C-alpha atoms as a PDB file:
ATOM      1  CA  UNK A   1      34.196 -50.426  18.788  1.00  0.00           C
ATOM      2  CA  UNK A   2      32.438 -48.579  15.650  1.00  0.00           C
ATOM      3  CA  UNK A   3      31.659 -51.919  14.483  1.00  0.00           C
ATOM      4  CA  UNK A   4      29.792 -52.405  17.783  1.00  0.00           C
ATOM      5  CA  UNK A   5      27.915 -49.082  17.545  1.00  0.00           C
ATOM      6  CA  UNK A   6      26.802 -49.540  14.322  1.00  0.00           C
ATOM      7  CA  UNK A   7      25.773 -52.806  15.360  1.00  0.00           C
ATOM      8  CA  UNK A   8      24.513 -51.512  18.219  1.00  0.00           C
ATOM      9  CA  UNK A   9      22.102 -48.502  16.496  1.00  0.00           C
ATOM     10  CA  UNK A  10      21.108 -51.288  13.820  1.00  0.00           C
ATOM     11  CA  UNK A  11      19.500 -53.143  16.363  1.00  0.00           C
ATOM     12  CA  UNK A  12      17.014 -49.891  17.013  1.00  0.00           C
ATOM     13  CA  UNK A  13      16.345 -49.279  13.468  1.00  0.00           C
ATOM     14  CA  UNK A  14      18.200 -49.108  10.402  1.00  0.00           C
ATOM     15  CA  UNK A  15      17.958 -46.867   7.105  1.00  0.00           C
ATOM     16  CA  UNK A  16      18.209 -49.490   4.832  1.00  0.00           C
ATOM     17  CA  UNK A  17      15.391 -51.558   5.987  1.00  0.00           C
ATOM     18  CA  UNK A  18      13.006 -48.948   6.384  1.00  0.00           C
ATOM     19  CA  UNK A  19      10.554 -50.219   3.742  1.00  0.00           C
ATOM     20  CA  UNK A  20      10.563 -53.270   5.616  1.00  0.00           C
ATOM     21  CA  UNK A  21       9.074 -50.843   8.361  1.00  0.00           C
ATOM     22  CA  UNK A  22       5.436 -51.304   9.814  1.00  0.00           C
ATOM     23  CA  UNK A  23       3.599 -47.576   9.997  1.00  0.00           C
ATOM     24  CA  UNK A  24       3.362 -47.564  13.754  1.00  0.00           C
ATOM     25  CA  UNK A  25       7.685 -49.281  13.548  1.00  0.00           C
ATOM     26  CA  UNK A  26       8.046 -46.180  11.168  1.00  0.00           C
ATOM     27  CA  UNK A  27       5.997 -43.165  13.593  1.00  0.00           C
ATOM     28  CA  UNK A  28       8.111 -44.734  17.052  1.00  0.00           C
ATOM     29  CA  UNK A  29      10.714 -44.363  15.068  1.00  0.00           C
ATOM     30  CA  UNK A  30      10.223 -41.328  14.498  1.00  0.00           C
ATOM     31  CA  UNK A  31       9.340 -39.756  17.537  1.00  0.00           C
ATOM     32  CA  UNK A  32      13.094 -41.099  19.068  1.00  0.00           C
ATOM     33  CA  UNK A  33      14.711 -39.179  17.074  1.00  0.00           C
ATOM     34  CA  UNK A  34      13.058 -36.748  17.698  1.00  0.00           C
ATOM     35  CA  UNK A  35      13.039 -36.910  21.252  1.00  0.00           C
ATOM     36  CA  UNK A  36      16.763 -37.920  21.092  1.00  0.00           C
ATOM     37  CA  UNK A  37      18.019 -34.814  18.927  1.00  0.00           C
ATOM     38  CA  UNK A  38      15.871 -32.285  21.378  1.00  0.00           C
ATOM     39  CA  UNK A  39      17.677 -33.948  24.771  1.00  0.00           C
ATOM     40  CA  UNK A  40      21.103 -33.678  22.787  1.00  0.00           C
ATOM     41  CA  UNK A  41      21.340 -36.817  23.445  1.00  0.00           C
ATOM     42  CA  UNK A  42      22.436 -37.493  19.896  1.00  0.00           C
ATOM     43  CA  UNK A  43      25.311 -37.915  18.943  1.00  0.00           C
ATOM     44  CA  UNK A  44      25.864 -40.135  21.331  1.00  0.00           C
ATOM     45  CA  UNK A  45      28.372 -39.003  24.053  1.00  0.00           C
ATOM     46  CA  UNK A  46      31.187 -41.792  23.208  1.00  0.00           C
ATOM     47  CA  UNK A  47      30.754 -41.033  19.271  1.00  0.00           C
ATOM     48  CA  UNK A  48      31.690 -37.328  20.535  1.00  0.00           C
ATOM     49  CA  UNK A  49      34.821 -38.211  22.009  1.00  0.00           C
ATOM     50  CA  UNK A  50      36.267 -39.634  18.746  1.00  0.00           C
ATOM     51  CA  UNK A  51      34.806 -36.871  16.262  1.00  0.00           C
ATOM     52  CA  UNK A  52      34.095 -33.470  18.148  1.00  0.00           C
ATOM     53  CA  UNK A  53      33.413 -31.887  15.368  1.00  0.00           C
ATOM     54  CA  UNK A  54      30.445 -34.302  15.001  1.00  0.00           C
ATOM     55  CA  UNK A  55      28.747 -31.857  17.538  1.00  0.00           C
ATOM     56  CA  UNK A  56      25.300 -30.485  16.432  1.00  0.00           C
ATOM     57  CA  UNK A  57      24.370 -26.817  16.976  1.00  0.00           C
ATOM     58  CA  UNK A  58      21.660 -25.062  18.280  1.00  0.00           C
ATOM     59  CA  UNK A  59      20.253 -24.926  14.535  1.00  0.00           C
ATOM     60  CA  UNK A  60      21.126 -28.472  13.818  1.00  0.00           C
ATOM     61  CA  UNK A  61      19.358 -29.445  16.264  1.00  0.00           C
ATOM     62  CA  UNK A  62      16.117 -28.296  15.953  1.00  0.00           C
ATOM     63  CA  UNK A  63      16.435 -29.039  12.008  1.00  0.00           C
ATOM     64  CA  UNK A  64      16.671 -32.609  12.725  1.00  0.00           C
ATOM     65  CA  UNK A  65      13.862 -32.297  14.853  1.00  0.00           C
ATOM     66  CA  UNK A  66      11.358 -30.231  13.455  1.00  0.00           C
ATOM     67  CA  UNK A  67      11.655 -33.330  10.136  1.00  0.00           C
ATOM     68  CA  UNK A  68      11.700 -36.057  12.983  1.00  0.00           C
ATOM     69  CA  UNK A  69       8.421 -34.269  14.209  1.00  0.00           C
ATOM     70  CA  UNK A  70       6.848 -33.469  10.507  1.00  0.00           C
ATOM     71  CA  UNK A  71       7.407 -36.874   9.485  1.00  0.00           C
ATOM     72  CA  UNK A  72       5.643 -38.429  11.437  1.00  0.00           C
ATOM     73  CA  UNK A  73       3.016 -35.954  11.299  1.00  0.00           C
ATOM     74  CA  UNK A  74       3.284 -37.212   7.937  1.00  0.00           C
ATOM     75  CA  UNK A  75       3.200 -40.649   8.710  1.00  0.00           C
ATOM     76  CA  UNK A  76      -0.090 -40.116  10.829  1.00  0.00           C
ATOM     77  CA  UNK A  77      -1.905 -38.689   8.606  1.00  0.00           C
ATOM     78  CA  UNK A  78      -1.026 -41.359   5.720  1.00  0.00           C
ATOM     79  CA  UNK A  79      -1.842 -44.670   8.736  1.00  0.00           C
ATOM     80  CA  UNK A  80      -5.598 -42.658   9.276  1.00  0.00           C
ATOM     81  CA  UNK A  81      -6.028 -42.910   5.121  1.00  0.00           C
ATOM     82  CA  UNK A  82      -4.979 -46.711   4.706  1.00  0.00           C
END
């Protein structure tokens, strides 16, 4: 089950291959992270069944959300300069 989850996640994006993504894809990934965490869809519910301590606190959610949002803005600014 864990292998399948990792494979599925990597089909959406793989941080180890970040440099291979174009700027539009990077911006979309950051938007997706912000949305998923803000809507409390991360970590996935089935992951939380096995790892109760992985639940994010409201402060954790806000931290990840703010990071993804600021990174997205930075990428958009960088895109505008190129």
